[in-house]
Amino acid sequence: MVNVLEVDGRSIGLDEDRCLLNLDDWNEAVAACLAQDEGIELTPAHWDILWLVREFYRAFELSPANRALVRYARQQLGDDKGNSLYLNALFNGKPARIACRLAGLPKPANCF
């Protein structure tokens, strides 16, 4: 089943997990619309993680699972942002899954 997200007059295809079908369709407006679906208003703290997740994907060609996200955030952003409590608070208790989706990336392999 394919869902469609309407953003700025564009129809953007989503898969059954509401992840983008085409990664090139992503932009900040798309992220904001996807965040609304999650009840999240994106703040600079969210954007730090979304850009970090996109950087991880470019480097490793996969979406990070929770442990990898926490570890990478700790390495790149420090202990205050690289911990589960911080990331869970930002992304409704599902940081890897939601951050990857909002960043326009596929669902991490081991997320349900």
N, C-alpha and C. Protein backbone atom coordinates (compact mmCIF):
# COMPACT_ATOMS: atom_id res chain seq x y z
N MET A 1 0.84 -1.18 0.00
CA MET A 1 0.00 0.00 0.00
C MET A 1 0.89 1.24 0.00
N VAL A 2 0.62 2.14 -0.91
CA VAL A 2 1.40 3.37 -1.03
C VAL A 2 0.55 4.52 -0.52
N ASN A 3 1.12 5.31 0.36
CA ASN A 3 0.49 6.53 0.85
C ASN A 3 1.11 7.70 0.13
N VAL A 4 0.41 8.81 0.18
CA VAL A 4 0.92 10.02 -0.47
C VAL A 4 0.89 11.16 0.54
N LEU A 5 1.94 11.94 0.55
CA LEU A 5 2.05 13.13 1.38
C LEU A 5 2.04 14.33 0.44
N GLU A 6 1.17 15.27 0.69
CA GLU A 6 1.11 16.49 -0.12
C GLU A 6 1.90 17.59 0.58
N VAL A 7 2.94 18.09 -0.10
CA VAL A 7 3.79 19.14 0.47
C VAL A 7 4.07 20.17 -0.61
N ASP A 8 3.69 21.40 -0.34
CA ASP A 8 3.97 22.50 -1.27
C ASP A 8 3.56 22.17 -2.70
N GLY A 9 2.38 21.57 -2.88
CA GLY A 9 1.87 21.25 -4.20
C GLY A 9 2.49 20.02 -4.84
N ARG A 10 3.31 19.29 -4.11
CA ARG A 10 3.93 18.07 -4.62
C ARG A 10 3.32 16.87 -3.93
N SER A 11 3.15 15.81 -4.69
CA SER A 11 2.70 14.53 -4.12
C SER A 11 3.93 13.65 -3.93
N ILE A 12 4.15 13.26 -2.68
CA ILE A 12 5.34 12.49 -2.33
C ILE A 12 4.91 11.11 -1.87
N GLY A 13 5.41 10.08 -2.52
CA GLY A 13 5.05 8.71 -2.20
C GLY A 13 5.70 8.22 -0.91
N LEU A 14 4.90 7.52 -0.11
CA LEU A 14 5.37 6.93 1.14
C LEU A 14 5.09 5.44 1.13
N ASP A 15 5.94 4.66 1.78
CA ASP A 15 5.69 3.22 1.88
C ASP A 15 4.75 2.93 3.04
N GLU A 16 4.55 1.66 3.34
CA GLU A 16 3.60 1.26 4.39
C GLU A 16 4.05 1.72 5.78
N ASP A 17 5.33 2.06 5.96
CA ASP A 17 5.83 2.58 7.23
C ASP A 17 5.86 4.11 7.23
N ARG A 18 5.31 4.71 6.19
CA ARG A 18 5.27 6.16 5.99
C ARG A 18 6.68 6.75 5.85
N CYS A 19 7.59 5.95 5.29
CA CYS A 19 8.92 6.42 4.91
C CYS A 19 8.88 6.79 3.43
N LEU A 20 9.72 7.71 3.02
CA LEU A 20 9.74 8.15 1.63
C LEU A 20 10.10 7.00 0.69
N LEU A 21 9.39 6.92 -0.42
CA LEU A 21 9.74 5.94 -1.45
C LEU A 21 10.98 6.39 -2.22
N ASN A 22 11.13 7.70 -2.39
CA ASN A 22 12.26 8.26 -3.11
C ASN A 22 12.99 9.21 -2.17
N LEU A 23 14.19 8.85 -1.77
CA LEU A 23 14.95 9.66 -0.81
C LEU A 23 15.21 11.07 -1.32
N ASP A 24 15.23 11.26 -2.64
CA ASP A 24 15.47 12.59 -3.20
C ASP A 24 14.28 13.53 -3.04
N ASP A 25 13.13 13.02 -2.61
CA ASP A 25 11.97 13.87 -2.37
C ASP A 25 12.08 14.65 -1.07
N TRP A 26 13.06 14.33 -0.23
CA TRP A 26 13.16 14.93 1.09
C TRP A 26 13.62 16.38 1.02
N ASN A 27 13.03 17.20 1.84
CA ASN A 27 13.52 18.54 2.14
C ASN A 27 12.97 18.92 3.51
N GLU A 28 13.29 20.09 3.99
CA GLU A 28 12.87 20.49 5.33
C GLU A 28 11.36 20.60 5.46
N ALA A 29 10.68 21.01 4.40
CA ALA A 29 9.21 21.10 4.45
C ALA A 29 8.59 19.70 4.57
N VAL A 30 9.16 18.73 3.89
CA VAL A 30 8.69 17.34 3.99
C VAL A 30 8.90 16.85 5.43
N ALA A 31 10.05 17.13 6.00
CA ALA A 31 10.33 16.72 7.38
C ALA A 31 9.31 17.34 8.33
N ALA A 32 8.99 18.60 8.13
CA ALA A 32 8.02 19.27 9.00
C ALA A 32 6.63 18.63 8.89
N CYS A 33 6.22 18.26 7.68
CA CYS A 33 4.92 17.60 7.50
C CYS A 33 4.91 16.22 8.15
N LEU A 34 5.97 15.46 7.98
CA LEU A 34 6.06 14.15 8.61
C LEU A 34 6.06 14.28 10.13
N ALA A 35 6.73 15.32 10.63
CA ALA A 35 6.78 15.55 12.08
C ALA A 35 5.39 15.86 12.62
N GLN A 36 4.61 16.62 11.88
CA GLN A 36 3.23 16.92 12.31
C GLN A 36 2.44 15.64 12.51
N ASP A 37 2.63 14.67 11.63
CA ASP A 37 1.95 13.37 11.76
C ASP A 37 2.30 12.69 13.08
N GLU A 38 3.49 12.97 13.61
CA GLU A 38 3.97 12.38 14.86
C GLU A 38 3.63 13.25 16.07
N GLY A 39 3.03 14.41 15.81
CA GLY A 39 2.74 15.34 16.90
C GLY A 39 4.00 16.05 17.41
N ILE A 40 4.97 16.21 16.53
CA ILE A 40 6.24 16.83 16.89
C ILE A 40 6.39 18.15 16.14
N GLU A 41 6.71 19.20 16.87
CA GLU A 41 7.08 20.46 16.25
C GLU A 41 8.60 20.53 16.27
N LEU A 42 9.20 20.58 15.10
CA LEU A 42 10.65 20.50 15.00
C LEU A 42 11.33 21.74 15.58
N THR A 43 12.29 21.48 16.46
CA THR A 43 13.09 22.52 17.09
C THR A 43 14.53 22.37 16.61
N PRO A 44 15.40 23.32 16.94
CA PRO A 44 16.82 23.13 16.60
C PRO A 44 17.39 21.82 17.14
N ALA A 45 16.94 21.39 18.30
CA ALA A 45 17.42 20.11 18.86
C ALA A 45 17.04 18.94 17.96
N HIS A 46 15.81 18.96 17.42
CA HIS A 46 15.39 17.91 16.49
C HIS A 46 16.24 17.95 15.22
N TRP A 47 16.44 19.17 14.70
CA TRP A 47 17.21 19.31 13.46
C TRP A 47 18.64 18.80 13.63
N ASP A 48 19.25 19.02 14.80
CA ASP A 48 20.60 18.48 15.04
C ASP A 48 20.61 16.98 14.80
N ILE A 49 19.60 16.29 15.30
CA ILE A 49 19.55 14.83 15.18
C ILE A 49 19.18 14.42 13.75
N LEU A 50 18.26 15.14 13.11
CA LEU A 50 17.88 14.79 11.73
C LEU A 50 19.08 14.92 10.79
N TRP A 51 19.83 15.99 10.92
CA TRP A 51 21.02 16.15 10.06
C TRP A 51 22.06 15.08 10.40
N LEU A 52 22.18 14.74 11.68
CA LEU A 52 23.11 13.70 12.11
C LEU A 52 22.74 12.35 11.50
N VAL A 53 21.45 12.02 11.52
CA VAL A 53 20.98 10.75 10.97
C VAL A 53 21.24 10.70 9.46
N ARG A 54 21.04 11.81 8.78
CA ARG A 54 21.32 11.85 7.33
C ARG A 54 22.82 11.67 7.08
N GLU A 55 23.65 12.26 7.93
CA GLU A 55 25.10 12.09 7.82
C GLU A 55 25.49 10.61 8.03
N PHE A 56 24.88 9.98 9.03
CA PHE A 56 25.12 8.55 9.29
C PHE A 56 24.76 7.73 8.05
N TYR A 57 23.62 8.03 7.45
CA TYR A 57 23.17 7.28 6.27
C TYR A 57 24.16 7.45 5.10
N ARG A 58 24.63 8.68 4.89
CA ARG A 58 25.61 8.92 3.82
C ARG A 58 26.91 8.15 4.09
N ALA A 59 27.32 8.10 5.34
CA ALA A 59 28.58 7.44 5.69
C ALA A 59 28.50 5.91 5.62
N PHE A 60 27.37 5.36 6.08
CA PHE A 60 27.28 3.90 6.23
C PHE A 60 26.25 3.22 5.33
N GLU A 61 25.51 4.01 4.56
CA GLU A 61 24.50 3.51 3.62
C GLU A 61 23.43 2.66 4.29
N LEU A 62 23.11 3.02 5.52
CA LEU A 62 21.99 2.38 6.22
C LEU A 62 21.49 3.33 7.31
N SER A 63 20.25 3.13 7.67
CA SER A 63 19.64 3.92 8.74
C SER A 63 20.06 3.34 10.08
N PRO A 64 20.43 4.20 11.03
CA PRO A 64 20.91 3.67 12.31
C PRO A 64 19.78 3.13 13.19
N ALA A 65 20.04 2.00 13.84
CA ALA A 65 19.14 1.50 14.88
C ALA A 65 19.41 2.33 16.14
N ASN A 66 18.63 2.11 17.17
CA ASN A 66 18.74 2.93 18.39
C ASN A 66 20.15 2.95 18.97
N ARG A 67 20.76 1.80 19.18
CA ARG A 67 22.09 1.77 19.80
C ARG A 67 23.12 2.51 18.96
N ALA A 68 23.07 2.29 17.66
CA ALA A 68 24.00 2.97 16.76
C ALA A 68 23.75 4.48 16.77
N LEU A 69 22.49 4.88 16.82
CA LEU A 69 22.15 6.31 16.86
C LEU A 69 22.68 6.95 18.14
N VAL A 70 22.47 6.31 19.27
CA VAL A 70 22.95 6.85 20.54
C VAL A 70 24.47 6.98 20.51
N ARG A 71 25.14 5.94 20.07
CA ARG A 71 26.61 5.94 20.02
C ARG A 71 27.12 7.05 19.08
N TYR A 72 26.52 7.14 17.90
CA TYR A 72 26.96 8.14 16.92
C TYR A 72 26.68 9.56 17.43
N ALA A 73 25.52 9.76 18.04
CA ALA A 73 25.19 11.08 18.60
C ALA A 73 26.19 11.45 19.70
N ARG A 74 26.55 10.48 20.52
CA ARG A 74 27.53 10.74 21.59
C ARG A 74 28.87 11.14 20.98
N GLN A 75 29.30 10.42 19.95
CA GLN A 75 30.59 10.72 19.31
C GLN A 75 30.58 12.10 18.65
N GLN A 76 29.48 12.43 17.99
CA GLN A 76 29.41 13.65 17.19
C GLN A 76 28.94 14.88 17.98
N LEU A 77 28.05 14.67 18.95
CA LEU A 77 27.40 15.80 19.62
C LEU A 77 27.68 15.88 21.11
N GLY A 78 28.31 14.86 21.67
CA GLY A 78 28.63 14.87 23.09
C GLY A 78 27.65 14.07 23.93
N ASP A 79 28.02 13.90 25.20
CA ASP A 79 27.25 13.07 26.11
C ASP A 79 25.85 13.60 26.39
N ASP A 80 25.69 14.92 26.40
CA ASP A 80 24.37 15.47 26.72
C ASP A 80 23.33 15.15 25.66
N LYS A 81 23.72 15.01 24.41
CA LYS A 81 22.78 14.67 23.33
C LYS A 81 22.89 13.21 22.90
N GLY A 82 23.98 12.58 23.27
CA GLY A 82 24.20 11.19 22.88
C GLY A 82 23.79 10.23 23.97
N ASN A 83 22.52 10.32 24.36
CA ASN A 83 22.01 9.38 25.35
C ASN A 83 20.54 9.08 25.07
N SER A 84 20.11 7.92 25.51
CA SER A 84 18.76 7.44 25.21
C SER A 84 17.67 8.35 25.76
N LEU A 85 17.84 8.86 26.96
CA LEU A 85 16.80 9.72 27.56
C LEU A 85 16.55 10.96 26.70
N TYR A 86 17.60 11.61 26.28
CA TYR A 86 17.48 12.80 25.45
C TYR A 86 16.79 12.48 24.13
N LEU A 87 17.26 11.44 23.46
CA LEU A 87 16.71 11.08 22.15
C LEU A 87 15.27 10.59 22.26
N ASN A 88 14.96 9.81 23.28
CA ASN A 88 13.58 9.35 23.49
C ASN A 88 12.64 10.52 23.72
N ALA A 89 13.08 11.51 24.47
CA ALA A 89 12.24 12.68 24.75
C ALA A 89 11.95 13.47 23.46
N LEU A 90 12.93 13.57 22.60
CA LEU A 90 12.73 14.30 21.34
C LEU A 90 11.80 13.58 20.37
N PHE A 91 11.90 12.24 20.34
CA PHE A 91 11.22 11.48 19.31
C PHE A 91 10.23 10.46 19.86
N ASN A 92 9.45 10.89 20.84
CA ASN A 92 8.31 10.12 21.35
C ASN A 92 8.65 8.67 21.69
N GLY A 93 9.84 8.43 22.23
CA GLY A 93 10.20 7.10 22.67
C GLY A 93 10.67 6.15 21.58
N LYS A 94 10.73 6.62 20.35
CA LYS A 94 11.19 5.78 19.22
C LYS A 94 12.20 6.58 18.39
N PRO A 95 13.34 6.92 18.96
CA PRO A 95 14.23 7.86 18.27
C PRO A 95 14.75 7.40 16.91
N ALA A 96 15.20 6.18 16.79
CA ALA A 96 15.76 5.76 15.50
C ALA A 96 14.67 5.72 14.44
N ARG A 97 13.57 5.09 14.75
CA ARG A 97 12.51 4.95 13.76
C ARG A 97 11.96 6.31 13.32
N ILE A 98 11.62 7.15 14.29
CA ILE A 98 11.01 8.43 13.94
C ILE A 98 12.03 9.38 13.33
N ALA A 99 13.22 9.46 13.89
CA ALA A 99 14.23 10.37 13.33
C ALA A 99 14.57 9.99 11.89
N CYS A 100 14.71 8.71 11.62
CA CYS A 100 15.01 8.28 10.25
C CYS A 100 13.87 8.64 9.31
N ARG A 101 12.64 8.41 9.74
CA ARG A 101 11.49 8.74 8.90
C ARG A 101 11.44 10.24 8.62
N LEU A 102 11.60 11.05 9.65
CA LEU A 102 11.57 12.50 9.46
C LEU A 102 12.73 13.00 8.62
N ALA A 103 13.85 12.28 8.66
CA ALA A 103 15.03 12.65 7.87
C ALA A 103 14.95 12.12 6.44
N GLY A 104 13.84 11.47 6.10
CA GLY A 104 13.64 11.00 4.74
C GLY A 104 14.33 9.68 4.42
N LEU A 105 14.68 8.93 5.44
CA LEU A 105 15.44 7.69 5.27
C LEU A 105 14.57 6.47 5.47
N PRO A 106 15.03 5.31 5.01
CA PRO A 106 14.29 4.07 5.25
C PRO A 106 14.23 3.72 6.74
N LYS A 107 13.27 2.93 7.11
CA LYS A 107 13.15 2.44 8.49
C LYS A 107 14.38 1.60 8.80
N PRO A 108 14.97 1.80 9.99
CA PRO A 108 16.10 0.93 10.37
C PRO A 108 15.69 -0.54 10.34
N ALA A 109 16.60 -1.39 9.98
CA ALA A 109 16.31 -2.81 9.75
C ALA A 109 15.70 -3.51 10.94
N ASN A 110 16.11 -3.20 12.16
CA ASN A 110 15.59 -3.95 13.29
C ASN A 110 14.50 -3.23 14.08
N CYS A 111 13.88 -2.22 13.48
CA CYS A 111 12.77 -1.52 14.16
C CYS A 111 11.46 -2.17 13.75
N PHE A 112 10.58 -2.31 14.73
CA PHE A 112 9.27 -2.92 14.48
C PHE A 112 8.24 -1.87 14.17
